Amino acid sequence: MNINATLLNYYLLCHRKMWLHAHAIRMEHTSDVVYEGKLIGETTYPQRAERYQEVEVSVERPEGALTAKIDFYDPQAGVVHEVKKSAARELAHVAQVQFYLYVLRRNGVRAEYGIIEYPRLRQTERVELDAEGERQVERWIGEVEALLKQEQCPPLLPKSKCKACSYFDFCWTSEPDRDLGD
């Protein structure tokens, strides 16, 4: 099975969301939160399209390809830029950029570091990928692959963690009105 940055991001947020997405159950198109994030990514830095390039790369492996579609890559400096809507910094954001750096390097493309930009916070975060970070990315990839091989969808997270998720209605519609673990 092919692994991409979205699956890695979802893996770190919710195993169930990652599994559903990988099995072609997609709910992002119904989410205002996802739409707002795309809008911020497309409109926050309009001048960027002139300076940086969109890059799509993959690494072929016997287990399946690792694919990355990077919206903003500066080939002169070897820097990946990722814009995030969230008002909170998350490990999943860092992991996504580390995955991009990992895949670029596996293709022999210069990948010095990444920058996550949080326009709402007016902050940036530099993301490095050292040898330990590469090993962590490889562990995550292995864990994603193991979860995707499971026949059954992983269990629900506590409802309080799911409220802003695009899969909320899908996961919780048939559940009794209870807050598991809340």
C-alpha atoms as a PDB file:
ATOM      1  CA  MET A   1       0.000   0.000   0.000  1.00  0.00           C
ATOM      2  CA  ASN A   2       1.215   3.494  -0.803  1.00  0.00           C
ATOM      3  CA  ILE A   3       1.888   5.810   2.132  1.00  0.00           C
ATOM      4  CA  ASN A   4       1.620   9.582   1.822  1.00  0.00           C
ATOM      5  CA  ALA A   5       1.973  12.550   4.164  1.00  0.00           C
ATOM      6  CA  THR A   6      -1.784  12.765   4.716  1.00  0.00           C
ATOM      7  CA  LEU A   7      -1.871   9.214   6.069  1.00  0.00           C
ATOM      8  CA  LEU A   8       1.077   9.923   8.343  1.00  0.00           C
ATOM      9  CA  ASN A   9      -0.588  13.110   9.591  1.00  0.00           C
ATOM     10  CA  TYR A  10      -3.862  11.277  10.223  1.00  0.00           C
ATOM     11  CA  TYR A  11      -2.020   8.394  11.914  1.00  0.00           C
ATOM     12  CA  LEU A  12      -0.671  10.787  14.527  1.00  0.00           C
ATOM     13  CA  LEU A  13      -4.086  12.363  15.046  1.00  0.00           C
ATOM     14  CA  CYS A  14      -6.406   9.345  14.902  1.00  0.00           C
ATOM     15  CA  HIS A  15      -5.744   5.785  13.734  1.00  0.00           C
ATOM     16  CA  ARG A  16      -9.392   5.392  12.766  1.00  0.00           C
ATOM     17  CA  LYS A  17      -9.352   8.499  10.540  1.00  0.00           C
ATOM     18  CA  MET A  18      -6.157   7.276   8.858  1.00  0.00           C
ATOM     19  CA  TRP A  19      -7.583   3.795   8.262  1.00  0.00           C
ATOM     20  CA  LEU A  20     -10.855   5.145   6.847  1.00  0.00           C
ATOM     21  CA  HIS A  21      -9.065   7.602   4.545  1.00  0.00           C
ATOM     22  CA  ALA A  22      -6.715   4.874   3.279  1.00  0.00           C
ATOM     23  CA  HIS A  23      -9.717   2.649   2.559  1.00  0.00           C
ATOM     24  CA  ALA A  24     -11.273   5.340   0.337  1.00  0.00           C
ATOM     25  CA  ILE A  25     -13.784   6.605   2.891  1.00  0.00           C
ATOM     26  CA  ARG A  26     -13.246  10.326   2.484  1.00  0.00           C
ATOM     27  CA  MET A  27     -15.102  12.966   4.438  1.00  0.00           C
ATOM     28  CA  GLU A  28     -12.895  16.034   3.947  1.00  0.00           C
ATOM     29  CA  HIS A  29     -15.138  17.402   1.195  1.00  0.00           C
ATOM     30  CA  THR A  30     -17.938  17.829   3.745  1.00  0.00           C
ATOM     31  CA  SER A  31     -15.883  19.742   6.307  1.00  0.00           C
ATOM     32  CA  ASP A  32     -15.901  23.513   6.717  1.00  0.00           C
ATOM     33  CA  VAL A  33     -12.725  23.186   8.794  1.00  0.00           C
ATOM     34  CA  VAL A  34     -10.906  21.446   5.924  1.00  0.00           C
ATOM     35  CA  TYR A  35     -12.221  23.998   3.429  1.00  0.00           C
ATOM     36  CA  GLU A  36     -11.032  26.867   5.633  1.00  0.00           C
ATOM     37  CA  GLY A  37      -7.577  25.279   5.871  1.00  0.00           C
ATOM     38  CA  LYS A  38      -7.337  24.939   2.093  1.00  0.00           C
ATOM     39  CA  LEU A  39      -8.449  28.533   1.658  1.00  0.00           C
ATOM     40  CA  ILE A  40      -5.789  29.762   4.087  1.00  0.00           C
ATOM     41  CA  GLY A  41      -3.150  27.684   2.307  1.00  0.00           C
ATOM     42  CA  GLU A  42      -4.140  29.040  -1.094  1.00  0.00           C
ATOM     43  CA  THR A  43      -4.597  32.713  -0.190  1.00  0.00           C
ATOM     44  CA  THR A  44      -2.218  33.519   2.657  1.00  0.00           C
ATOM     45  CA  TYR A  45       0.936  33.742   0.542  1.00  0.00           C
ATOM     46  CA  PRO A  46      -0.210  34.516  -3.030  1.00  0.00           C
ATOM     47  CA  GLN A  47       3.255  35.678  -4.128  1.00  0.00           C
ATOM     48  CA  ARG A  48       4.691  32.279  -3.318  1.00  0.00           C
ATOM     49  CA  ALA A  49       3.532  30.689  -6.568  1.00  0.00           C
ATOM     50  CA  GLU A  50       6.031  32.871  -8.416  1.00  0.00           C
ATOM     51  CA  ARG A  51       9.016  32.004  -6.203  1.00  0.00           C
ATOM     52  CA  TYR A  52       8.512  28.400  -5.148  1.00  0.00           C
ATOM     53  CA  GLN A  53       7.467  25.246  -6.908  1.00  0.00           C
ATOM     54  CA  GLU A  54       4.960  22.527  -6.209  1.00  0.00           C
ATOM     55  CA  VAL A  55       6.811  19.231  -6.084  1.00  0.00           C
ATOM     56  CA  GLU A  56       5.438  15.723  -6.311  1.00  0.00           C
ATOM     57  CA  VAL A  57       7.864  12.894  -5.572  1.00  0.00           C
ATOM     58  CA  SER A  58       7.700   9.251  -4.648  1.00  0.00           C
ATOM     59  CA  VAL A  59       9.990   6.485  -3.492  1.00  0.00           C
ATOM     60  CA  GLU A  60       9.235   3.015  -4.784  1.00  0.00           C
ATOM     61  CA  ARG A  61       9.567   0.176  -2.283  1.00  0.00           C
ATOM     62  CA  PRO A  62       8.466  -3.461  -2.324  1.00  0.00           C
ATOM     63  CA  GLU A  63       5.813  -2.634   0.316  1.00  0.00           C
ATOM     64  CA  GLY A  64       4.427   0.245  -1.755  1.00  0.00           C
ATOM     65  CA  ALA A  65       5.442   3.758  -2.672  1.00  0.00           C
ATOM     66  CA  LEU A  66       6.022   6.664  -0.338  1.00  0.00           C
ATOM     67  CA  THR A  67       4.518   9.716  -2.019  1.00  0.00           C
ATOM     68  CA  ALA A  68       4.729  13.392  -1.203  1.00  0.00           C
ATOM     69  CA  LYS A  69       2.943  16.319  -2.802  1.00  0.00           C
ATOM     70  CA  ILE A  70       4.572  19.452  -1.457  1.00  0.00           C
ATOM     71  CA  ASP A  71       2.759  22.718  -2.099  1.00  0.00           C
ATOM     72  CA  PHE A  72       5.732  25.047  -1.666  1.00  0.00           C
ATOM     73  CA  TYR A  73       9.338  24.003  -2.163  1.00  0.00           C
ATOM     74  CA  ASP A  74      12.258  26.404  -2.540  1.00  0.00           C
ATOM     75  CA  PRO A  75      14.780  24.511  -4.710  1.00  0.00           C
ATOM     76  CA  GLN A  76      17.499  27.168  -4.301  1.00  0.00           C
ATOM     77  CA  ALA A  77      17.602  26.787  -0.509  1.00  0.00           C
ATOM     78  CA  GLY A  78      16.239  23.232  -0.322  1.00  0.00           C
ATOM     79  CA  VAL A  79      13.441  24.336   2.007  1.00  0.00           C
ATOM     80  CA  VAL A  80       9.955  22.849   2.302  1.00  0.00           C
ATOM     81  CA  HIS A  81       7.194  25.263   3.342  1.00  0.00           C
ATOM     82  CA  GLU A  82       3.934  24.042   4.853  1.00  0.00           C
ATOM     83  CA  VAL A  83       1.051  26.357   5.819  1.00  0.00           C
ATOM     84  CA  LYS A  84      -1.263  25.225   8.601  1.00  0.00           C
ATOM     85  CA  LYS A  85      -4.592  26.720   9.631  1.00  0.00           C
ATOM     86  CA  SER A  86      -4.551  25.325  13.123  1.00  0.00           C
ATOM     87  CA  ALA A  87      -4.219  27.591  16.096  1.00  0.00           C
ATOM     88  CA  ALA A  88      -2.310  24.803  17.810  1.00  0.00           C
ATOM     89  CA  ARG A  89       1.037  23.330  16.927  1.00  0.00           C
ATOM     90  CA  GLU A  90       0.872  19.587  16.605  1.00  0.00           C
ATOM     91  CA  LEU A  91       3.307  16.724  16.280  1.00  0.00           C
ATOM     92  CA  ALA A  92       1.374  15.680  13.167  1.00  0.00           C
ATOM     93  CA  HIS A  93       2.403  18.925  11.427  1.00  0.00           C
ATOM     94  CA  VAL A  94       6.078  18.352  12.213  1.00  0.00           C
ATOM     95  CA  ALA A  95       5.840  14.706  11.145  1.00  0.00           C
ATOM     96  CA  GLN A  96       4.278  15.674   7.821  1.00  0.00           C
ATOM     97  CA  VAL A  97       7.148  18.039   7.014  1.00  0.00           C
ATOM     98  CA  GLN A  98       9.705  15.476   8.191  1.00  0.00           C
ATOM     99  CA  PHE A  99       8.077  12.959   5.855  1.00  0.00           C
ATOM    100  CA  TYR A 100       8.453  15.431   2.969  1.00  0.00           C
ATOM    101  CA  LEU A 101      12.139  15.928   3.790  1.00  0.00           C
ATOM    102  CA  TYR A 102      12.612  12.156   4.057  1.00  0.00           C
ATOM    103  CA  VAL A 103      11.031  11.445   0.657  1.00  0.00           C
ATOM    104  CA  LEU A 104      12.918  14.286  -1.039  1.00  0.00           C
ATOM    105  CA  ARG A 105      16.244  13.024   0.319  1.00  0.00           C
ATOM    106  CA  ARG A 106      15.453   9.454  -0.771  1.00  0.00           C
ATOM    107  CA  ASN A 107      15.104  10.879  -4.282  1.00  0.00           C
ATOM    108  CA  GLY A 108      18.417  12.719  -4.110  1.00  0.00           C
ATOM    109  CA  VAL A 109      16.683  16.107  -3.935  1.00  0.00           C
ATOM    110  CA  ARG A 110      18.173  18.775  -1.711  1.00  0.00           C
ATOM    111  CA  ALA A 111      16.089  19.022   1.467  1.00  0.00           C
ATOM    112  CA  GLU A 112      17.795  21.106   4.135  1.00  0.00           C
ATOM    113  CA  TYR A 113      14.876  21.758   6.471  1.00  0.00           C
ATOM    114  CA  GLY A 114      11.219  22.674   6.548  1.00  0.00           C
ATOM    115  CA  ILE A 115       9.228  25.614   7.802  1.00  0.00           C
ATOM    116  CA  ILE A 116       5.699  25.312   9.132  1.00  0.00           C
ATOM    117  CA  GLU A 117       3.838  28.598   8.922  1.00  0.00           C
ATOM    118  CA  TYR A 118       0.898  29.352  11.195  1.00  0.00           C
ATOM    119  CA  PRO A 119      -0.670  32.528   9.753  1.00  0.00           C
ATOM    120  CA  ARG A 120      -3.274  32.806  12.516  1.00  0.00           C
ATOM    121  CA  LEU A 121      -0.555  32.669  15.166  1.00  0.00           C
ATOM    122  CA  ARG A 122       1.804  34.774  13.055  1.00  0.00           C
ATOM    123  CA  GLN A 123       4.492  32.256  13.869  1.00  0.00           C
ATOM    124  CA  THR A 124       6.748  29.838  12.079  1.00  0.00           C
ATOM    125  CA  GLU A 125       8.404  26.646  13.224  1.00  0.00           C
ATOM    126  CA  ARG A 126      11.597  25.280  11.736  1.00  0.00           C
ATOM    127  CA  VAL A 127      11.604  21.509  11.208  1.00  0.00           C
ATOM    128  CA  GLU A 128      14.827  19.537  11.011  1.00  0.00           C
ATOM    129  CA  LEU A 129      15.370  15.929  10.016  1.00  0.00           C
ATOM    130  CA  ASP A 130      18.462  14.360  11.545  1.00  0.00           C
ATOM    131  CA  ALA A 131      19.379  10.654  11.665  1.00  0.00           C
ATOM    132  CA  GLU A 132      17.123  10.013  14.688  1.00  0.00           C
ATOM    133  CA  GLY A 133      14.279  11.863  12.952  1.00  0.00           C
ATOM    134  CA  GLU A 134      14.724   9.645   9.886  1.00  0.00           C
ATOM    135  CA  ARG A 135      14.503   6.549  12.071  1.00  0.00           C
ATOM    136  CA  GLN A 136      11.322   7.953  13.649  1.00  0.00           C
ATOM    137  CA  VAL A 137       9.777   8.567  10.205  1.00  0.00           C
ATOM    138  CA  GLU A 138      10.630   4.982   9.261  1.00  0.00           C
ATOM    139  CA  ARG A 139       8.986   3.700  12.490  1.00  0.00           C
ATOM    140  CA  TRP A 140       5.861   5.743  11.745  1.00  0.00           C
ATOM    141  CA  ILE A 141       5.728   4.362   8.213  1.00  0.00           C
ATOM    142  CA  GLY A 142       5.969   0.811   9.588  1.00  0.00           C
ATOM    143  CA  GLU A 143       3.224   1.502  12.138  1.00  0.00           C
ATOM    144  CA  VAL A 144       0.968   2.998   9.446  1.00  0.00           C
ATOM    145  CA  GLU A 145       1.500  -0.056   7.242  1.00  0.00           C
ATOM    146  CA  ALA A 146       0.698  -2.408  10.131  1.00  0.00           C
ATOM    147  CA  LEU A 147      -2.539  -0.570  10.940  1.00  0.00           C
ATOM    148  CA  LEU A 148      -3.611  -0.504   7.308  1.00  0.00           C
ATOM    149  CA  LYS A 149      -3.240  -4.280   7.077  1.00  0.00           C
ATOM    150  CA  GLN A 150      -5.849  -4.732   9.797  1.00  0.00           C
ATOM    151  CA  GLU A 151      -9.194  -5.870   8.473  1.00  0.00           C
ATOM    152  CA  GLN A 152     -11.205  -3.937  11.031  1.00  0.00           C
ATOM    153  CA  CYS A 153     -11.309  -0.211  11.496  1.00  0.00           C
ATOM    154  CA  PRO A 154      -9.537   0.992  14.669  1.00  0.00           C
ATOM    155  CA  PRO A 155     -11.743   2.046  17.608  1.00  0.00           C
ATOM    156  CA  LEU A 156     -13.141   5.495  18.247  1.00  0.00           C
ATOM    157  CA  LEU A 157     -11.259   8.095  20.229  1.00  0.00           C
ATOM    158  CA  PRO A 158     -13.079   9.883  23.046  1.00  0.00           C
ATOM    159  CA  LYS A 159     -15.778  12.086  21.557  1.00  0.00           C
ATOM    160  CA  SER A 160     -14.192  15.256  22.971  1.00  0.00           C
ATOM    161  CA  LYS A 161     -11.165  14.734  20.691  1.00  0.00           C
ATOM    162  CA  CYS A 162     -13.333  14.340  17.606  1.00  0.00           C
ATOM    163  CA  LYS A 163     -15.571  17.406  17.538  1.00  0.00           C
ATOM    164  CA  ALA A 164     -13.687  19.302  14.794  1.00  0.00           C
ATOM    165  CA  CYS A 165     -12.903  16.209  12.721  1.00  0.00           C
ATOM    166  CA  SER A 166     -14.374  15.856   9.234  1.00  0.00           C
ATOM    167  CA  TYR A 167     -15.220  12.226  10.134  1.00  0.00           C
ATOM    168  CA  PHE A 168     -17.190  13.171  13.269  1.00  0.00           C
ATOM    169  CA  ASP A 169     -20.648  12.480  11.819  1.00  0.00           C
ATOM    170  CA  PHE A 170     -19.457   9.321  10.100  1.00  0.00           C
ATOM    171  CA  CYS A 171     -17.953   7.902  13.297  1.00  0.00           C
ATOM    172  CA  TRP A 172     -20.504   9.082  15.825  1.00  0.00           C
ATOM    173  CA  THR A 173     -23.875   9.003  14.012  1.00  0.00           C
ATOM    174  CA  SER A 174     -24.689   5.427  14.960  1.00  0.00           C
ATOM    175  CA  GLU A 175     -23.224   5.642  18.455  1.00  0.00           C
ATOM    176  CA  PRO A 176     -25.486   6.194  21.445  1.00  0.00           C
ATOM    177  CA  ASP A 177     -25.234   9.666  22.938  1.00  0.00           C
ATOM    178  CA  ARG A 178     -22.382   8.943  25.280  1.00  0.00           C
ATOM    179  CA  ASP A 179     -18.946  10.369  25.720  1.00  0.00           C
ATOM    180  CA  LEU A 180     -16.526   7.475  25.856  1.00  0.00           C
ATOM    181  CA  GLY A 181     -13.739   8.463  28.177  1.00  0.00           C
ATOM    182  CA  ASP A 182     -14.980  12.038  28.651  1.00  0.00           C
END
